[in-house]
PDB file of N, CA and C in Angstrom:
ATOM      1  N   MET A   1     305.389  62.389 141.606  1.00  0.00           N
ATOM      2  CA  MET A   1     306.330  62.478 143.077  1.00  0.00           C
ATOM      3  C   MET A   1     305.321  62.943 144.636  1.00  0.00           C
ATOM      4  N   ARG A   2     305.444  62.477 145.557  1.00  0.00           N
ATOM      5  CA  ARG A   2     305.178  62.769 147.003  1.00  0.00           C
ATOM      6  C   ARG A   2     305.364  64.216 147.091  1.00  0.00           C
ATOM      7  N   LEU A   3     304.024  64.546 147.633  1.00  0.00           N
ATOM      8  CA  LEU A   3     303.976  66.638 147.805  1.00  0.00           C
ATOM      9  C   LEU A   3     305.021  66.993 148.517  1.00  0.00           C
ATOM     10  N   ASP A   4     305.321  66.106 150.012  1.00  0.00           N
ATOM     11  CA  ASP A   4     306.240  66.173 151.115  1.00  0.00           C
ATOM     12  C   ASP A   4     307.922  65.963 149.998  1.00  0.00           C
ATOM     13  N   LYS A   5     307.638  64.870 149.228  1.00  0.00           N
ATOM     14  CA  LYS A   5     309.138  65.116 148.835  1.00  0.00           C
ATOM     15  C   LYS A   5     309.615  66.416 147.936  1.00  0.00           C
ATOM     16  N   PHE A   6     308.120  66.694 146.662  1.00  0.00           N
ATOM     17  CA  PHE A   6     308.827  68.068 146.019  1.00  0.00           C
ATOM     18  C   PHE A   6     308.865  68.702 146.876  1.00  0.00           C
ATOM     19  N   LEU A   7     308.117  69.398 147.940  1.00  0.00           N
ATOM     20  CA  LEU A   7     308.484  70.330 148.760  1.00  0.00           C
ATOM     21  C   LEU A   7     310.148  70.452 149.791  1.00  0.00           C
ATOM     22  N   LYS A   8     310.741  68.817 150.321  1.00  0.00           N
ATOM     23  CA  LYS A   8     311.776  68.933 150.189  1.00  0.00           C
ATOM     24  C   LYS A   8     313.022  69.288 148.793  1.00  0.00           C
ATOM     25  N   VAL A   9     312.988  68.787 147.740  1.00  0.00           N
ATOM     26  CA  VAL A   9     313.857  68.522 147.213  1.00  0.00           C
ATOM     27  C   VAL A   9     313.737  69.932 146.588  1.00  0.00           C
ATOM     28  N   SER A  10     312.680  70.645 146.243  1.00  0.00           N
ATOM     29  CA  SER A  10     312.500  72.133 145.886  1.00  0.00           C
ATOM     30  C   SER A  10     313.099  73.322 146.814  1.00  0.00           C
ATOM     31  N   ARG A  11     312.782  72.475 147.883  1.00  0.00           N
ATOM     32  CA  ARG A  11     313.487  73.479 149.133  1.00  0.00           C
ATOM     33  C   ARG A  11     312.548  74.555 149.205  1.00  0.00           C
ATOM     34  N   LEU A  12     311.260  74.078 149.165  1.00  0.00           N
ATOM     35  CA  LEU A  12     310.212  75.480 149.725  1.00  0.00           C
ATOM     36  C   LEU A  12     310.088  74.958 151.214  1.00  0.00           C
ATOM     37  N   ILE A  13     310.247  73.938 151.311  1.00  0.00           N
ATOM     38  CA  ILE A  13     310.300  73.248 152.940  1.00  0.00           C
ATOM     39  C   ILE A  13     311.276  72.716 152.762  1.00  0.00           C
ATOM     40  N   LYS A  14     312.466  73.132 154.137  1.00  0.00           N
ATOM     41  CA  LYS A  14     313.844  72.047 154.171  1.00  0.00           C
ATOM     42  C   LYS A  14     313.548  70.959 154.709  1.00  0.00           C
ATOM     43  N   ARG A  15     312.834  70.308 155.517  1.00  0.00           N
ATOM     44  CA  ARG A  15     313.234  69.033 155.705  1.00  0.00           C
ATOM     45  C   ARG A  15     311.718  68.379 155.294  1.00  0.00           C
ATOM     46  N   ARG A  16     311.595  66.739 155.068  1.00  0.00           N
ATOM     47  CA  ARG A  16     310.578  66.256 154.815  1.00  0.00           C
ATOM     48  C   ARG A  16     309.397  66.030 155.608  1.00  0.00           C
ATOM     49  N   THR A  17     310.319  66.106 156.653  1.00  0.00           N
ATOM     50  CA  THR A  17     308.912  65.575 158.543  1.00  0.00           C
ATOM     51  C   THR A  17     308.394  67.515 158.404  1.00  0.00           C
ATOM     52  N   LEU A  18     309.502  68.248 158.156  1.00  0.00           N
ATOM     53  CA  LEU A  18     308.348  68.841 158.140  1.00  0.00           C
ATOM     54  C   LEU A  18     307.199  69.656 157.091  1.00  0.00           C
ATOM     55  N   ALA A  19     307.437  68.896 155.988  1.00  0.00           N
ATOM     56  CA  ALA A  19     306.573  68.918 155.170  1.00  0.00           C
ATOM     57  C   ALA A  19     305.770  68.387 155.572  1.00  0.00           C
ATOM     58  N   LYS A  20     305.772  67.022 155.726  1.00  0.00           N
ATOM     59  CA  LYS A  20     304.752  66.168 155.982  1.00  0.00           C
ATOM     60  C   LYS A  20     303.596  66.576 156.929  1.00  0.00           C
ATOM     61  N   GLU A  21     304.622  67.306 157.959  1.00  0.00           N
ATOM     62  CA  GLU A  21     303.406  67.729 159.090  1.00  0.00           C
ATOM     63  C   GLU A  21     303.193  68.845 158.718  1.00  0.00           C
ATOM     64  N   VAL A  22     303.358  69.954 157.847  1.00  0.00           N
ATOM     65  CA  VAL A  22     302.722  71.008 157.680  1.00  0.00           C
ATOM     66  C   VAL A  22     301.595  70.458 156.325  1.00  0.00           C
ATOM     67  N   SER A  23     301.700  69.646 155.694  1.00  0.00           N
ATOM     68  CA  SER A  23     300.701  69.273 154.919  1.00  0.00           C
ATOM     69  C   SER A  23     300.071  68.510 155.546  1.00  0.00           C
ATOM     70  N   ASP A  24     299.776  67.807 156.373  1.00  0.00           N
ATOM     71  CA  ASP A  24     299.023  67.032 157.491  1.00  0.00           C
ATOM     72  C   ASP A  24     298.410  67.853 158.551  1.00  0.00           C
ATOM     73  N   GLN A  25     298.533  68.687 158.387  1.00  0.00           N
ATOM     74  CA  GLN A  25     297.764  70.386 159.162  1.00  0.00           C
ATOM     75  C   GLN A  25     296.916  70.667 158.427  1.00  0.00           C
ATOM     76  N   GLY A  26     296.819  70.231 156.854  1.00  0.00           N
ATOM     77  CA  GLY A  26     295.766  71.339 156.014  1.00  0.00           C
ATOM     78  C   GLY A  26     296.636  72.863 155.590  1.00  0.00           C
ATOM     79  N   ARG A  27     297.412  72.968 155.566  1.00  0.00           N
ATOM     80  CA  ARG A  27     297.977  74.101 155.309  1.00  0.00           C
ATOM     81  C   ARG A  27     298.842  74.108 153.712  1.00  0.00           C
ATOM     82  N   ILE A  28     298.495  73.122 153.034  1.00  0.00           N
ATOM     83  CA  ILE A  28     298.877  73.384 152.189  1.00  0.00           C
ATOM     84  C   ILE A  28     297.660  72.545 150.965  1.00  0.00           C
ATOM     85  N   SER A  29     297.167  73.133 149.474  1.00  0.00           N
ATOM     86  CA  SER A  29     296.050  73.187 148.986  1.00  0.00           C
ATOM     87  C   SER A  29     296.420  72.890 147.282  1.00  0.00           C
ATOM     88  N   VAL A  30     296.245  71.509 146.448  1.00  0.00           N
ATOM     89  CA  VAL A  30     297.202  71.206 145.033  1.00  0.00           C
ATOM     90  C   VAL A  30     295.668  72.002 144.241  1.00  0.00           C
ATOM     91  N   ASN A  31     296.096  72.585 143.457  1.00  0.00           N
ATOM     92  CA  ASN A  31     294.928  72.644 142.180  1.00  0.00           C
ATOM     93  C   ASN A  31     293.550  72.954 143.114  1.00  0.00           C
ATOM     94  N   GLY A  32     293.403  73.853 144.384  1.00  0.00           N
ATOM     95  CA  GLY A  32     292.572  74.011 144.816  1.00  0.00           C
ATOM     96  C   GLY A  32     291.676  72.544 145.957  1.00  0.00           C
ATOM     97  N   GLN A  33     292.259  71.734 145.996  1.00  0.00           N
ATOM     98  CA  GLN A  33     292.076  71.005 146.970  1.00  0.00           C
ATOM     99  C   GLN A  33     292.564  70.400 147.525  1.00  0.00           C
ATOM    100  N   GLN A  34     292.035  70.200 148.910  1.00  0.00           N
ATOM    101  CA  GLN A  34     293.448  70.248 150.222  1.00  0.00           C
ATOM    102  C   GLN A  34     293.978  68.973 150.569  1.00  0.00           C
ATOM    103  N   ALA A  35     295.421  68.819 150.539  1.00  0.00           N
ATOM    104  CA  ALA A  35     296.312  67.798 150.182  1.00  0.00           C
ATOM    105  C   ALA A  35     297.255  67.420 151.466  1.00  0.00           C
ATOM    106  N   LYS A  36     297.203  65.878 150.785  1.00  0.00           N
ATOM    107  CA  LYS A  36     298.187  65.192 152.366  1.00  0.00           C
ATOM    108  C   LYS A  36     299.293  65.288 151.794  1.00  0.00           C
ATOM    109  N   ALA A  37     300.550  64.550 152.981  1.00  0.00           N
ATOM    110  CA  ALA A  37     301.709  64.407 152.673  1.00  0.00           C
ATOM    111  C   ALA A  37     301.786  63.593 151.295  1.00  0.00           C
ATOM    112  N   SER A  38     301.147  62.364 150.620  1.00  0.00           N
ATOM    113  CA  SER A  38     300.787  61.294 150.182  1.00  0.00           C
ATOM    114  C   SER A  38     300.520  61.735 148.653  1.00  0.00           C
ATOM    115  N   THR A  39     299.748  63.001 148.740  1.00  0.00           N
ATOM    116  CA  THR A  39     299.179  63.573 146.981  1.00  0.00           C
ATOM    117  C   THR A  39     300.336  63.417 146.497  1.00  0.00           C
ATOM    118  N   THR A  40     300.106  62.830 144.760  1.00  0.00           N
ATOM    119  CA  THR A  40     300.889  62.709 143.871  1.00  0.00           C
ATOM    120  C   THR A  40     300.875  64.183 143.007  1.00  0.00           C
ATOM    121  N   VAL A  41     301.871  64.841 143.121  1.00  0.00           N
ATOM    122  CA  VAL A  41     301.779  66.550 142.146  1.00  0.00           C
ATOM    123  C   VAL A  41     302.933  66.167 141.197  1.00  0.00           C
ATOM    124  N   LYS A  42     302.117  67.126 139.961  1.00  0.00           N
ATOM    125  CA  LYS A  42     303.170  66.647 138.741  1.00  0.00           C
ATOM    126  C   LYS A  42     303.384  67.766 137.744  1.00  0.00           C
ATOM    127  N   VAL A  43     303.992  68.373 136.701  1.00  0.00           N
ATOM    128  CA  VAL A  43     304.371  69.699 136.269  1.00  0.00           C
ATOM    129  C   VAL A  43     302.794  69.993 135.967  1.00  0.00           C
ATOM    130  N   GLY A  44     303.061  71.531 136.284  1.00  0.00           N
ATOM    131  CA  GLY A  44     301.995  72.344 136.223  1.00  0.00           C
ATOM    132  C   GLY A  44     300.832  72.468 137.114  1.00  0.00           C
ATOM    133  N   ASP A  45     300.765  71.537 138.166  1.00  0.00           N
ATOM    134  CA  ASP A  45     299.817  71.572 139.492  1.00  0.00           C
ATOM    135  C   ASP A  45     300.501  73.183 140.245  1.00  0.00           C
ATOM    136  N   GLU A  46     299.506  73.728 140.791  1.00  0.00           N
ATOM    137  CA  GLU A  46     299.496  74.669 141.495  1.00  0.00           C
ATOM    138  C   GLU A  46     299.055  74.478 142.913  1.00  0.00           C
ATOM    139  N   LEU A  47     300.526  74.766 143.811  1.00  0.00           N
ATOM    140  CA  LEU A  47     300.554  74.814 144.959  1.00  0.00           C
ATOM    141  C   LEU A  47     300.048  75.922 145.846  1.00  0.00           C
ATOM    142  N   VAL A  48     299.457  75.718 147.028  1.00  0.00           N
ATOM    143  CA  VAL A  48     299.115  77.072 147.431  1.00  0.00           C
ATOM    144  C   VAL A  48     299.827  76.392 149.277  1.00  0.00           C
ATOM    145  N   VAL A  49     300.617  76.956 149.534  1.00  0.00           N
ATOM    146  CA  VAL A  49     301.101  76.649 150.873  1.00  0.00           C
ATOM    147  C   VAL A  49     300.889  78.253 152.002  1.00  0.00           C
ATOM    148  N   ARG A  50     300.660  77.520 153.188  1.00  0.00           N
ATOM    149  CA  ARG A  50     300.693  78.617 154.046  1.00  0.00           C
ATOM    150  C   ARG A  50     301.492  78.258 155.196  1.00  0.00           C
ATOM    151  N   PHE A  51     302.639  79.491 155.221  1.00  0.00           N
ATOM    152  CA  PHE A  51     303.415  79.527 155.660  1.00  0.00           C
ATOM    153  C   PHE A  51     303.286  80.795 157.332  1.00  0.00           C
ATOM    154  N   GLY A  52     302.673  80.465 158.441  1.00  0.00           N
ATOM    155  CA  GLY A  52     301.982  81.515 159.376  1.00  0.00           C
ATOM    156  C   GLY A  52     301.574  82.327 158.948  1.00  0.00           C
ATOM    157  N   GLN A  53     301.981  83.722 158.776  1.00  0.00           N
ATOM    158  CA  GLN A  53     300.968  84.908 158.413  1.00  0.00           C
ATOM    159  C   GLN A  53     301.012  84.868 156.782  1.00  0.00           C
ATOM    160  N   LYS A  54     302.136  84.233 156.087  1.00  0.00           N
ATOM    161  CA  LYS A  54     302.257  84.340 154.670  1.00  0.00           C
ATOM    162  C   LYS A  54     301.802  82.923 154.042  1.00  0.00           C
ATOM    163  N   LEU A  55     300.858  83.707 152.662  1.00  0.00           N
ATOM    164  CA  LEU A  55     300.130  82.231 151.871  1.00  0.00           C
ATOM    165  C   LEU A  55     301.031  82.560 150.374  1.00  0.00           C
ATOM    166  N   VAL A  56     301.809  81.440 150.201  1.00  0.00           N
ATOM    167  CA  VAL A  56     302.811  80.743 149.002  1.00  0.00           C
ATOM    168  C   VAL A  56     302.194  80.340 147.984  1.00  0.00           C
ATOM    169  N   THR A  57     301.266  81.010 146.623  1.00  0.00           N
ATOM    170  CA  THR A  57     300.921  79.984 145.525  1.00  0.00           C
ATOM    171  C   THR A  57     301.826  80.036 144.527  1.00  0.00           C
ATOM    172  N   VAL A  58     302.462  78.901 144.201  1.00  0.00           N
ATOM    173  CA  VAL A  58     303.604  78.458 143.400  1.00  0.00           C
ATOM    174  C   VAL A  58     303.046  77.578 142.258  1.00  0.00           C
ATOM    175  N   LYS A  59     303.685  77.212 141.460  1.00  0.00           N
ATOM    176  CA  LYS A  59     303.181  76.576 140.012  1.00  0.00           C
ATOM    177  C   LYS A  59     304.461  75.761 139.851  1.00  0.00           C
ATOM    178  N   ILE A  60     304.288  74.661 139.492  1.00  0.00           N
ATOM    179  CA  ILE A  60     304.995  73.331 139.601  1.00  0.00           C
ATOM    180  C   ILE A  60     305.931  73.475 137.797  1.00  0.00           C
ATOM    181  N   ASP A  61     307.426  73.819 137.747  1.00  0.00           N
ATOM    182  CA  ASP A  61     307.325  74.061 136.196  1.00  0.00           C
ATOM    183  C   ASP A  61     308.411  72.669 136.136  1.00  0.00           C
ATOM    184  N   ARG A  62     309.185  72.145 137.181  1.00  0.00           N
ATOM    185  CA  ARG A  62     309.740  70.567 137.250  1.00  0.00           C
ATOM    186  C   ARG A  62     309.813  69.584 137.959  1.00  0.00           C
ATOM    187  N   ILE A  63     309.744  68.711 137.501  1.00  0.00           N
ATOM    188  CA  ILE A  63     309.774  67.369 138.418  1.00  0.00           C
ATOM    189  C   ILE A  63     311.152  66.414 138.247  1.00  0.00           C
ATOM    190  N   GLN A  64     312.043  67.322 139.798  1.00  0.00           N
ATOM    191  CA  GLN A  64     313.438  66.011 139.515  1.00  0.00           C
ATOM    192  C   GLN A  64     313.779  65.372 141.002  1.00  0.00           C
ATOM    193  N   GLU A  65     314.066  63.916 140.814  1.00  0.00           N
ATOM    194  CA  GLU A  65     314.453  63.659 142.141  1.00  0.00           C
ATOM    195  C   GLU A  65     315.160  63.803 143.057  1.00  0.00           C
ATOM    196  N   THR A  66     316.164  64.371 142.514  1.00  0.00           N
ATOM    197  CA  THR A  66     317.303  65.294 143.295  1.00  0.00           C
ATOM    198  C   THR A  66     318.283  66.783 142.620  1.00  0.00           C
ATOM    199  N   THR A  67     318.344  67.698 143.318  1.00  0.00           N
ATOM    200  CA  THR A  67     318.487  68.764 142.748  1.00  0.00           C
ATOM    201  C   THR A  67     319.189  69.696 143.319  1.00  0.00           C
ATOM    202  N   ARG A  68     320.599  70.774 142.632  1.00  0.00           N
ATOM    203  CA  ARG A  68     321.737  70.905 143.321  1.00  0.00           C
ATOM    204  C   ARG A  68     321.205  72.328 144.185  1.00  0.00           C
ATOM    205  N   LYS A  69     321.164  72.908 145.162  1.00  0.00           N
ATOM    206  CA  LYS A  69     320.282  74.143 146.132  1.00  0.00           C
ATOM    207  C   LYS A  69     320.908  75.373 144.866  1.00  0.00           C
ATOM    208  N   GLU A  70     321.599  75.620 144.052  1.00  0.00           N
ATOM    209  CA  GLU A  70     321.418  76.535 143.110  1.00  0.00           C
ATOM    210  C   GLU A  70     319.838  76.198 141.918  1.00  0.00           C
ATOM    211  N   ASP A  71     319.879  75.240 141.720  1.00  0.00           N
ATOM    212  CA  ASP A  71     318.653  75.105 140.980  1.00  0.00           C
ATOM    213  C   ASP A  71     317.603  74.572 141.376  1.00  0.00           C
ATOM    214  N   ALA A  72     317.016  74.415 142.667  1.00  0.00           N
ATOM    215  CA  ALA A  72     316.059  74.365 143.449  1.00  0.00           C
ATOM    216  C   ALA A  72     314.830  75.127 143.043  1.00  0.00           C
ATOM    217  N   PRO A  73     315.576  76.593 142.680  1.00  0.00           N
ATOM    218  CA  PRO A  73     313.918  77.434 142.364  1.00  0.00           C
ATOM    219  C   PRO A  73     313.689  77.421 141.212  1.00  0.00           C
ATOM    220  N   GLU A  74     314.558  76.161 140.247  1.00  0.00           N
ATOM    221  CA  GLU A  74     314.159  76.500 138.807  1.00  0.00           C
ATOM    222  C   GLU A  74     312.868  75.750 138.512  1.00  0.00           C
ATOM    223  N   MET A  75     312.331  75.134 139.910  1.00  0.00           N
ATOM    224  CA  MET A  75     311.540  73.369 139.655  1.00  0.00           C
ATOM    225  C   MET A  75     309.940  74.884 140.042  1.00  0.00           C
ATOM    226  N   TYR A  76     309.711  75.133 140.559  1.00  0.00           N
ATOM    227  CA  TYR A  76     308.719  76.311 140.547  1.00  0.00           C
ATOM    228  C   TYR A  76     308.684  77.700 140.232  1.00  0.00           C
ATOM    229  N   THR A  77     307.767  78.120 140.132  1.00  0.00           N
ATOM    230  CA  THR A  77     307.230  79.374 139.780  1.00  0.00           C
ATOM    231  C   THR A  77     306.378  79.996 140.952  1.00  0.00           C
ATOM    232  N   ILE A  78     306.782  81.441 141.458  1.00  0.00           N
ATOM    233  CA  ILE A  78     305.542  81.533 142.665  1.00  0.00           C
ATOM    234  C   ILE A  78     304.848  82.534 141.939  1.00  0.00           C
ATOM    235  N   ILE A  79     304.106  82.887 142.042  1.00  0.00           N
ATOM    236  CA  ILE A  79     302.477  83.389 141.406  1.00  0.00           C
ATOM    237  C   ILE A  79     302.414  84.685 142.042  1.00  0.00           C
ATOM    238  N   LYS A  80     302.217  83.832 143.148  1.00  0.00           N
ATOM    239  CA  LYS A  80     301.854  85.223 144.450  1.00  0.00           C
ATOM    240  C   LYS A  80     302.105  85.051 145.717  1.00  0.00           C
ATOM    241  N   GLU A  81     302.752  86.253 146.717  1.00  0.00           N
ATOM    242  CA  GLU A  81     302.474  85.894 147.903  1.00  0.00           C
ATOM    243  C   GLU A  81     302.018  87.029 148.718  1.00  0.00           C
ATOM    244  N   GLU A  82     301.344  86.425 149.432  1.00  0.00           N
ATOM    245  CA  GLU A  82     300.338  87.473 150.229  1.00  0.00           C
ATOM    246  C   GLU A  82     299.986  87.413 151.874  1.00  0.00           C
ATOM    247  N   LYS A  83     299.956  88.293 152.795  1.00  0.00           N
ATOM    248  CA  LYS A  83     300.554  88.257 153.701  1.00  0.00           C
ATOM    249  C   LYS A  83     298.208  87.857 154.428  1.00  0.00           C
ATOM    250  N   VAL A  84     298.525  87.261 155.657  1.00  0.00           N
ATOM    251  CA  VAL A  84     297.333  86.093 155.912  1.00  0.00           C
ATOM    252  C   VAL A  84     296.537  87.311 157.129  1.00  0.00           C
ATOM    253  N   GLU A  85     295.996  87.601 157.467  1.00  0.00           N
ATOM    254  CA  GLU A  85     295.563  87.942 159.173  1.00  0.00           C
ATOM    255  C   GLU A  85     295.147  87.211 159.802  1.00  0.00           C
ATOM    256  N   SER A  86     295.899  87.372 161.055  1.00  0.00           N
ATOM    257  CA  SER A  86     295.704  86.223 161.910  1.00  0.00           C
ATOM    258  C   SER A  86     294.219  86.286 162.581  1.00  0.00           C
ATOM    259  N   GLU A  87     293.602  85.077 162.823  1.00  0.00           N
ATOM    260  CA  GLU A  87     292.463  84.799 163.142  1.00  0.00           C
ATOM    261  C   GLU A  87     292.407  84.856 164.621  1.00  0.00           C
ATOM    262  N   GLY A  88     291.790  85.835 165.166  1.00  0.00           N
ATOM    263  CA  GLY A  88     291.538  85.346 166.612  1.00  0.00           C
ATOM    264  C   GLY A  88     291.051  86.805 166.764  1.00  0.00           C
TER     265      GLY A  88
END
């Protein structure tokens, strides 16, 4: 599944266009490699996403084309969340 679609379906990021922008800005890595929106992700991959001052690391547990809001968190496990110091 494409990275931008996974982020939307899993509800880590609410909209696919926003998921595409975030990945194109280089704020997401898959298994330590910087990822684009079109990067293919699979079960077991580790994503690191930068949300402003927060770095979230998640592991993909399940891939589904669609999911209900209540079931979305079952698609991934949050490994860690850490604050990032602002540059400047």
